Every structure is written in C-alpha cells, then in structure tokens.
Amino acid sequence: MNNEIDNNQHYITESFIKKRFGVNGFVNRYDVKYGGWKTNASPQFIFSSDGYTQFLEAGQPVDNSLEKSFNNLENELRVILPILDDATTRTATPVDEGIFNNLCFYCAYLWYLSPFAKAKAPANFVMQVDLCLKHGNTNFLRAINLSDERIKTMQQQYADGYRFILQGENYLQYAFRGEFVRNCRDKAAMFRYLTKWTVYNSPIELPIADIALVDYPESKNVTLFMLPISPQRVLIGRLVGGTPPPPPMTNTILYGADLTVEAAEDVLDVISLSALKAIVCQNKMDIAAIRDRAKKKKISFTKINNLDDVLSAGRKVFDRSKSFDLVAVTKEEYIKYVHTFIGPAGSYN
C-alpha cells in the first residue's frame, strides 16, 4: 500500500456501510446536490475519494501511513459493533477497556478524517497560532519548527495588531495531516474520559451521511456526537463543557436506551442536514422534506466553501520550497482567510 498512489480511500468504512446500511451488498444513495436517488449503489465509491488520506510531497515517496492506521482500526469493528448492539438491551454495559479505547479512537478518526475537518484544517492551524501568540504559549510554535528568533518577531508583530495566515501552494493536505497527527489522540482522550456514550434504539429508520460522526450543540455547554450504527440504532456521545470542566470518567460503560419518536426525528433531521454530498439509507426516504424540516427547526451547520478542493487535496503535490510560510496580515485579511475555507452557519450546501 505504501508504494501505491491515488487509491480510492474512504473516510467512512466501506464494510461498515455495506453490512449495516445495505441489502445484499448494495445501498440506496441520495445525492444532496441534485436531489436524486441511486438504488442498488455499490458502497465502494461512496464516502471516498481518490487519494483522500495519502500525502504527496515533492521529492518524497507517497505516504499512505494514515490509510494504513485507519485500516488497522477498522479491523476492530468486528468486535466493537456487536458490543454496541448488545448495549441496547440493558441500561448499562461494562466494556473491556481496550475495546472501549478503540471505540473512542475510531470516533476520533471519523471526526478528523471527515471532509469538514479537512476543509477547516488550515483555518484551525492559523487560529491555533493566533491563540498561542495571544497567550504567550510557544510550545505549539516550536512544535511546527519555528525558531525562537522567528517566534519573537511574530510576537512583536502580533502586539502591533498583525495576524498570521498560511501562504503557499497545495498545502491543504499538509495542514489536514498535521492537524490529524497533532489532535486525533487528544480527541480520542476527550471521547474516552469526558464523553458519556449511549446506544439508542430508534423507532424510525435512520440514514448515515458523509459526516459520519455529527457534532451538534444540545445547549450552550453540551455537545452531542451522533454516529448511526444501523438503520435502527445510533451511538450518541454527550460532552459537558463549562468551567471548571467535569472530572474525567474512569469507567468504561456503554449505556443503552430507547429514543422517543420525537427525539428520533430530531436525530434524523440533524444527520440528514449534515450531509455534504450523499446520504445512504436502507430504504428510500423523503430526504428533501426532512432537510427542509431541519432548517425550519433552526438546525444549521458551518458551510464548507471548497468541497471539491477538499476531496481532491490528496492528489496535489505539496512542495515546501514554493514560498510556503506563515505571513503577517491585517486582522481583516486574517478573518477573510479563515472564511475562505469555512463560512458562517448554514446548511452544508
């Protein structure tokens, strides 16, 4: 695999979609942009793109290490999924710590491999730089190989009102991979120690969209992470924020419960509106009407401005020698740069 280039690479596990949402190896696929259905669609080319996770750098061999690590984690689903199914039959199920950790890592991978996470990676990068300069934290700046002299210069420029953006060519995949390496483990730890996971039985059919693990604010201090694991079940993580944060959870328990019809419809609406390009269902649904209902409920998501570029970023060669750098700009230019990748809240399309 490490020597191959432009493979079809999934950001949601193909076998998971096929076995959990398909019939006889095929699925029903809804196209968000055109509002049409493809019945008996193969999961092979759904929720994927050529070279999606690979990294091409000038003068270096193709790097498929992220694809390999995701494949290794996907193999654990054969153990994880039956446990999730079983957890719906009781209120609380103690889970082996290793299995629970793998579940949390799988959720973290789904979040950071999603097109949304990739799209906002450059914005996240420069916002992290901004935050470090604001609070005088130089650890991240050193971790991205900035010299002490350069950091000192940037601190002075920041004090003078300047902000910093990335400048160069074809750096989206570089930023995406860097954000993944730096943050995926922390996201998994957040899922492991600060998030309560419940597997719900649903009285209505649920689809899965190309943002597999949907994060949505339940309230000001509570975020929900929704992952449909079958047409009848959804895994929901509940993360409580606030200051001070709640103490970390040491147990490894999956909770089980049943959704009311009203609650299940809310989950259906969130999942359906989160979709970028495609939604997969076991049975055809009126997705357009469901998305309209979600909008009327004031459900919204941050907009991705460059989806085609996001999906194809892995096929572009990154060359560090082509003026790739952090450059000082005005605050207005900084804000404009951030909104180049992600826009204000609204539906994804």
Protein backbone atom coordinates (compact mmCIF):
# COMPACT_ATOMS: atom_id res chain seq x y z
CA MET A 1 0.00 0.00 0.00
CA ASN A 2 2.81 2.47 0.84
CA ASN A 3 4.05 2.38 -2.76
CA GLU A 4 0.65 2.91 -4.36
CA ILE A 5 -0.80 6.26 -5.38
CA ASP A 6 -4.33 7.63 -5.86
CA ASN A 7 -6.16 4.63 -4.43
CA ASN A 8 -9.86 5.08 -3.70
CA GLN A 9 -9.67 5.90 0.02
CA HIS A 10 -12.68 6.04 2.35
CA TYR A 11 -13.34 8.45 5.19
CA ILE A 12 -16.15 6.15 6.41
CA THR A 13 -15.52 2.41 6.48
CA GLU A 14 -16.86 0.70 3.35
CA SER A 15 -17.62 -2.63 5.03
CA PHE A 16 -19.45 -0.80 7.84
CA ILE A 17 -21.74 0.92 5.31
CA LYS A 18 -22.28 -2.26 3.33
CA LYS A 19 -23.10 -4.52 6.28
CA ARG A 20 -25.01 -2.09 8.46
CA PHE A 21 -26.95 0.00 5.93
CA GLY A 22 -27.05 -2.19 2.85
CA VAL A 23 -29.07 -5.09 1.50
CA ASN A 24 -27.22 -7.86 -0.36
CA GLY A 25 -24.12 -5.68 -0.56
CA PHE A 26 -25.86 -2.63 -2.06
CA VAL A 27 -27.30 0.59 -0.64
CA ASN A 28 -29.67 3.38 -1.59
CA ARG A 29 -27.70 6.61 -2.16
CA TYR A 30 -29.23 10.08 -2.15
CA ASP A 31 -27.38 12.86 -3.98
CA VAL A 32 -27.70 16.06 -1.96
CA LYS A 33 -26.86 18.48 -4.79
CA TYR A 34 -29.20 17.03 -7.39
CA GLY A 35 -31.84 15.56 -5.11
CA GLY A 36 -31.80 12.21 -6.86
CA TRP A 37 -31.50 8.57 -5.80
CA LYS A 38 -29.29 5.78 -6.99
CA THR A 39 -30.72 2.46 -5.90
CA ASN A 40 -28.58 -0.66 -5.62
CA ALA A 41 -25.47 1.53 -5.38
CA SER A 42 -22.14 -0.02 -4.50
CA PRO A 43 -20.59 1.30 -1.25
CA GLN A 44 -17.16 1.07 -2.89
CA PHE A 45 -17.25 4.63 -4.20
CA ILE A 46 -19.43 6.26 -1.56
CA PHE A 47 -17.88 8.41 1.17
CA SER A 48 -14.48 8.20 -0.52
CA SER A 49 -12.18 9.92 -2.99
CA ASP A 50 -9.01 9.02 -4.86
CA GLY A 51 -6.00 9.59 -2.62
CA TYR A 52 -8.15 11.07 0.15
CA THR A 53 -5.75 10.29 3.02
CA GLN A 54 -2.46 9.98 1.12
CA PHE A 55 0.22 12.67 1.30
CA LEU A 56 2.27 13.63 -1.75
CA GLU A 57 5.34 15.75 -1.05
CA ALA A 58 7.85 16.82 -3.68
CA GLY A 59 10.90 14.56 -3.62
CA GLN A 60 9.31 12.03 -1.23
CA PRO A 61 7.54 8.68 -1.78
CA VAL A 62 3.79 8.61 -1.39
CA ASP A 63 2.83 8.50 2.29
CA ASN A 64 -0.12 6.17 2.95
CA SER A 65 0.54 5.75 6.68
CA LEU A 66 -2.77 7.36 7.65
CA GLU A 67 -4.72 4.98 5.44
CA LYS A 68 -2.85 2.03 6.95
CA SER A 69 -3.54 3.10 10.54
CA PHE A 70 -7.23 3.65 9.74
CA ASN A 71 -7.42 0.17 8.20
CA ASN A 72 -5.92 -1.31 11.35
CA LEU A 73 -8.53 0.43 13.49
CA GLU A 74 -11.35 -0.56 11.15
CA ASN A 75 -10.49 -4.20 11.78
CA GLU A 76 -11.60 -3.71 15.38
CA LEU A 77 -15.19 -3.04 14.24
CA ARG A 78 -15.88 -6.78 14.12
CA VAL A 79 -15.54 -6.71 17.92
CA ILE A 80 -16.93 -3.23 18.61
CA LEU A 81 -20.19 -3.38 16.65
CA PRO A 82 -21.68 -6.49 18.32
CA ILE A 83 -20.94 -4.91 21.71
CA LEU A 84 -22.75 -1.73 20.66
CA ASP A 85 -25.74 -3.78 19.52
CA ASP A 86 -25.79 -5.70 22.78
CA ALA A 87 -25.59 -2.50 24.83
CA THR A 88 -29.07 -1.50 23.64
CA THR A 89 -30.58 -4.42 25.56
CA ARG A 90 -29.73 -3.04 29.02
CA THR A 91 -29.29 0.30 30.74
CA ALA A 92 -25.55 -0.06 31.33
CA THR A 93 -22.89 -2.40 29.94
CA PRO A 94 -19.32 -2.50 31.29
CA VAL A 95 -16.89 -2.81 28.37
CA ASP A 96 -13.31 -4.04 28.27
CA GLU A 97 -11.05 -1.00 28.46
CA GLY A 98 -9.10 -1.89 25.32
CA ILE A 99 -12.31 -2.23 23.29
CA PHE A 100 -13.70 0.99 24.74
CA ASN A 101 -10.49 2.82 23.86
CA ASN A 102 -10.65 1.50 20.29
CA LEU A 103 -14.22 2.75 20.01
CA CYS A 104 -13.14 6.22 21.13
CA PHE A 105 -10.22 6.20 18.71
CA TYR A 106 -12.49 5.10 15.86
CA CYS A 107 -14.83 8.00 16.60
CA ALA A 108 -11.86 10.38 16.71
CA TYR A 109 -10.66 9.08 13.34
CA LEU A 110 -14.11 9.55 11.82
CA TRP A 111 -14.20 13.12 13.08
CA TYR A 112 -10.72 14.11 11.87
CA LEU A 113 -10.96 12.23 8.56
CA SER A 114 -14.25 13.90 7.63
CA PRO A 115 -14.35 16.39 4.75
CA PHE A 116 -15.43 19.05 7.25
CA ALA A 117 -12.34 18.53 9.42
CA LYS A 118 -10.12 18.58 6.33
CA ALA A 119 -11.76 21.74 5.00
CA LYS A 120 -11.17 23.69 8.18
CA ALA A 121 -7.64 22.37 8.87
CA PRO A 122 -5.82 25.48 7.55
CA ALA A 123 -8.21 27.73 9.47
CA ASN A 124 -7.67 25.67 12.62
CA PHE A 125 -3.92 25.87 12.12
CA VAL A 126 -3.79 29.67 11.93
CA MET A 127 -6.32 30.03 14.76
CA GLN A 128 -4.04 27.89 16.92
CA VAL A 129 -1.11 30.13 16.01
CA ASP A 130 -3.23 33.16 16.92
CA LEU A 131 -4.23 31.64 20.25
CA CYS A 132 -0.62 30.81 21.13
CA LEU A 133 0.57 34.33 20.34
CA LYS A 134 -2.30 35.80 22.33
CA HIS A 135 -1.49 33.81 25.47
CA GLY A 136 2.29 33.62 25.10
CA ASN A 137 2.30 29.83 24.68
CA THR A 138 5.24 28.94 22.45
CA ASN A 139 5.06 25.14 22.65
CA PHE A 140 2.93 24.77 19.52
CA LEU A 141 5.03 27.34 17.65
CA ARG A 142 8.20 25.40 18.42
CA ALA A 143 6.47 22.14 17.51
CA ILE A 144 5.90 23.48 13.98
CA ASN A 145 9.64 24.21 13.75
CA LEU A 146 9.65 27.96 14.25
CA SER A 147 12.91 29.29 15.68
CA ASP A 148 12.99 31.34 18.86
CA GLU A 149 14.05 34.36 16.80
CA ARG A 150 11.10 33.92 14.44
CA ILE A 151 8.69 33.49 17.35
CA LYS A 152 9.98 36.67 18.96
CA THR A 153 9.43 38.58 15.71
CA MET A 154 5.92 37.18 15.35
CA GLN A 155 5.09 38.12 18.93
CA GLN A 156 6.08 41.71 18.23
CA GLN A 157 4.05 41.77 15.01
CA TYR A 158 1.09 40.34 16.89
CA ALA A 159 1.40 43.06 19.53
CA ASP A 160 1.35 45.60 16.67
CA GLY A 161 -2.03 44.25 15.53
CA TYR A 162 -0.99 41.79 12.83
CA ARG A 163 -2.25 38.23 12.47
CA PHE A 164 -0.82 35.27 10.53
CA ILE A 165 -2.05 33.13 7.66
CA LEU A 166 -0.56 30.34 5.59
CA GLN A 167 0.78 31.19 2.17
CA GLY A 168 1.89 28.70 -0.45
CA GLU A 169 0.63 26.12 -2.93
CA ASN A 170 -1.30 22.88 -2.39
CA TYR A 171 -0.93 22.91 1.39
CA LEU A 172 -4.46 21.78 2.31
CA GLN A 173 -3.46 18.12 2.62
CA TYR A 174 -0.35 19.09 4.59
CA ALA A 175 -2.48 21.09 7.05
CA PHE A 176 -5.04 18.27 7.26
CA ARG A 177 -2.41 15.65 8.03
CA GLY A 178 -0.70 17.89 10.57
CA GLU A 179 -3.96 18.64 12.37
CA PHE A 180 -4.75 14.92 12.45
CA VAL A 181 -1.38 13.94 13.92
CA ARG A 182 -1.40 16.73 16.50
CA ASN A 183 -5.00 16.42 17.65
CA CYS A 184 -6.55 13.00 16.97
CA ARG A 185 -5.15 11.43 20.14
CA ASP A 186 -6.47 14.32 22.23
CA LYS A 187 -9.91 13.95 20.62
CA ALA A 188 -9.87 10.23 21.45
CA ALA A 189 -8.97 11.08 25.06
CA MET A 190 -11.85 13.54 25.17
CA PHE A 191 -14.19 10.82 23.95
CA ARG A 192 -12.72 8.37 26.45
CA TYR A 193 -12.68 10.45 29.63
CA LEU A 194 -15.14 13.30 29.19
CA THR A 195 -17.90 11.90 26.99
CA LYS A 196 -20.81 9.70 28.08
CA TRP A 197 -21.75 7.23 25.33
CA THR A 198 -25.25 5.82 24.93
CA VAL A 199 -26.52 3.46 22.23
CA TYR A 200 -30.16 4.21 21.42
CA ASN A 201 -32.77 2.07 19.70
CA SER A 202 -34.66 4.18 17.18
CA PRO A 203 -38.37 3.69 16.40
CA ILE A 204 -37.80 5.15 12.91
CA GLU A 205 -35.22 4.38 10.28
CA LEU A 206 -32.03 6.42 10.38
CA PRO A 207 -29.61 7.05 7.48
CA ILE A 208 -25.91 7.80 7.56
CA ALA A 209 -24.38 10.85 5.89
CA ASP A 210 -20.87 11.66 4.72
CA ILE A 211 -20.20 13.44 8.01
CA ALA A 212 -20.47 10.14 9.88
CA LEU A 213 -19.85 11.46 13.39
CA VAL A 214 -22.01 14.58 13.58
CA ASP A 215 -21.29 17.00 16.40
CA TYR A 216 -24.20 19.24 17.33
CA PRO A 217 -24.78 21.60 20.28
CA GLU A 218 -27.57 20.40 22.55
CA SER A 219 -27.16 23.56 24.64
CA LYS A 220 -24.53 26.19 25.38
CA ASN A 221 -22.35 23.81 27.39
CA VAL A 222 -23.35 20.41 25.95
CA THR A 223 -22.26 18.92 22.62
CA LEU A 224 -23.73 15.74 21.17
CA PHE A 225 -21.76 13.42 18.87
CA MET A 226 -24.08 11.25 16.76
CA LEU A 227 -22.97 8.14 14.88
CA PRO A 228 -25.66 5.98 13.25
CA ILE A 229 -24.52 2.36 13.57
CA SER A 230 -27.53 0.81 11.80
CA PRO A 231 -30.92 1.95 10.49
CA GLN A 232 -32.36 1.15 13.93
CA ARG A 233 -29.57 2.32 16.24
CA VAL A 234 -27.49 5.41 16.90
CA LEU A 235 -24.50 5.92 19.17
CA ILE A 236 -24.60 9.33 20.86
CA GLY A 237 -21.82 10.82 22.95
CA ARG A 238 -22.70 13.62 25.37
CA LEU A 239 -19.88 16.02 26.21
CA VAL A 240 -20.46 18.54 29.00
CA GLY A 241 -18.27 21.64 28.97
CA GLY A 242 -18.06 24.59 31.30
CA THR A 243 -15.56 25.99 33.78
CA PRO A 244 -14.26 24.14 35.63
CA PRO A 245 -14.67 21.06 33.41
CA PRO A 246 -16.28 17.97 34.93
CA PRO A 247 -13.92 15.37 36.40
CA PRO A 248 -12.72 12.67 33.98
CA MET A 249 -14.64 9.41 33.88
CA THR A 250 -12.63 6.36 34.83
CA ASN A 251 -15.28 3.76 33.98
CA THR A 252 -15.75 2.18 30.56
CA ILE A 253 -19.51 1.86 30.34
CA LEU A 254 -21.83 1.95 27.36
CA TYR A 255 -25.36 2.98 28.25
CA GLY A 256 -28.49 1.77 26.48
CA ALA A 257 -31.85 3.46 25.97
CA ASP A 258 -34.76 3.95 23.57
CA LEU A 259 -35.45 7.14 21.64
CA THR A 260 -38.94 8.56 21.52
CA VAL A 261 -40.35 9.18 18.06
CA GLU A 262 -39.85 12.93 18.54
CA ALA A 263 -36.23 12.51 19.66
CA ALA A 264 -35.53 10.09 16.81
CA GLU A 265 -36.90 12.62 14.31
CA ASP A 266 -34.55 15.24 15.73
CA VAL A 267 -31.61 12.87 15.23
CA LEU A 268 -32.83 12.09 11.70
CA ASP A 269 -33.04 15.82 10.91
CA VAL A 270 -29.54 16.57 12.20
CA ILE A 271 -27.97 13.66 10.31
CA SER A 272 -29.78 14.50 7.08
CA LEU A 273 -28.91 18.20 7.12
CA SER A 274 -25.27 17.50 7.97
CA ALA A 275 -24.72 15.75 4.63
CA LEU A 276 -22.32 17.33 2.15
CA LYS A 277 -22.82 15.21 -0.97
CA ALA A 278 -24.52 11.95 -0.13
CA ILE A 279 -26.79 10.14 2.30
CA VAL A 280 -27.11 6.36 2.48
CA CYS A 281 -30.33 4.66 3.57
CA GLN A 282 -31.50 1.10 3.73
CA ASN A 283 -34.85 2.30 2.36
CA LYS A 284 -35.56 5.44 0.35
CA MET A 285 -36.76 8.44 2.36
CA ASP A 286 -38.04 11.90 1.52
CA ILE A 287 -34.67 13.45 2.32
CA ALA A 288 -35.52 16.81 0.77
CA ALA A 289 -38.53 17.19 3.06
CA ILE A 290 -36.50 16.05 6.08
CA ARG A 291 -33.80 18.63 5.35
CA ASP A 292 -36.42 21.35 4.96
CA ARG A 293 -37.93 20.34 8.30
CA ALA A 294 -34.48 20.55 9.90
CA LYS A 295 -33.97 24.08 8.59
CA LYS A 296 -37.34 25.13 9.97
CA LYS A 297 -36.17 23.88 13.36
CA LYS A 298 -33.20 26.29 13.01
CA ILE A 299 -30.73 23.40 12.76
CA SER A 300 -27.65 24.63 10.92
CA PHE A 301 -24.05 23.75 10.15
CA THR A 302 -20.97 25.71 9.22
CA LYS A 303 -20.63 25.93 5.47
CA ILE A 304 -17.72 24.38 3.54
CA ASN A 305 -16.71 26.69 0.71
CA ASN A 306 -14.39 24.44 -1.28
CA LEU A 307 -15.71 20.87 -1.13
CA ASP A 308 -14.26 19.76 -4.49
CA ASP A 309 -10.84 21.05 -3.46
CA VAL A 310 -11.17 19.26 -0.13
CA LEU A 311 -11.96 15.91 -1.70
CA SER A 312 -9.15 16.16 -4.25
CA ALA A 313 -6.46 17.68 -2.00
CA GLY A 314 -4.62 14.38 -1.58
CA ARG A 315 -3.85 14.22 -5.30
CA LYS A 316 -1.93 17.52 -5.28
CA VAL A 317 1.80 17.58 -4.58
CA PHE A 318 2.95 19.77 -1.71
CA ASP A 319 6.28 21.50 -2.27
CA ARG A 320 7.79 23.18 0.79
CA SER A 321 10.20 25.16 -1.39
CA LYS A 322 7.42 27.14 -3.11
CA SER A 323 7.15 30.06 -0.69
CA PHE A 324 5.27 28.09 1.96
CA ASP A 325 5.24 30.17 5.13
CA LEU A 326 3.25 31.98 7.79
CA VAL A 327 2.87 35.60 6.72
CA ALA A 328 1.71 38.65 8.69
CA VAL A 329 -1.56 40.28 7.58
CA THR A 330 -4.14 42.66 8.96
CA LYS A 331 -6.96 41.38 11.16
CA GLU A 332 -9.40 41.90 8.29
CA GLU A 333 -7.27 39.82 5.94
CA TYR A 334 -6.95 37.14 8.62
CA ILE A 335 -10.74 36.88 9.02
CA LYS A 336 -11.17 36.75 5.24
CA TYR A 337 -8.61 33.94 5.05
CA VAL A 338 -10.42 31.86 7.69
CA HIS A 339 -13.70 32.27 5.83
CA THR A 340 -12.04 31.09 2.62
CA PHE A 341 -12.36 27.55 3.97
CA ILE A 342 -15.42 27.65 6.23
CA GLY A 343 -18.30 30.09 6.09
CA PRO A 344 -20.99 31.21 8.50
CA ALA A 345 -23.52 28.77 9.92
CA GLY A 346 -25.93 27.38 7.35
CA SER A 347 -26.60 24.13 5.54
CA TYR A 348 -23.53 22.47 4.08
CA ASN A 349 -24.59 23.06 0.50
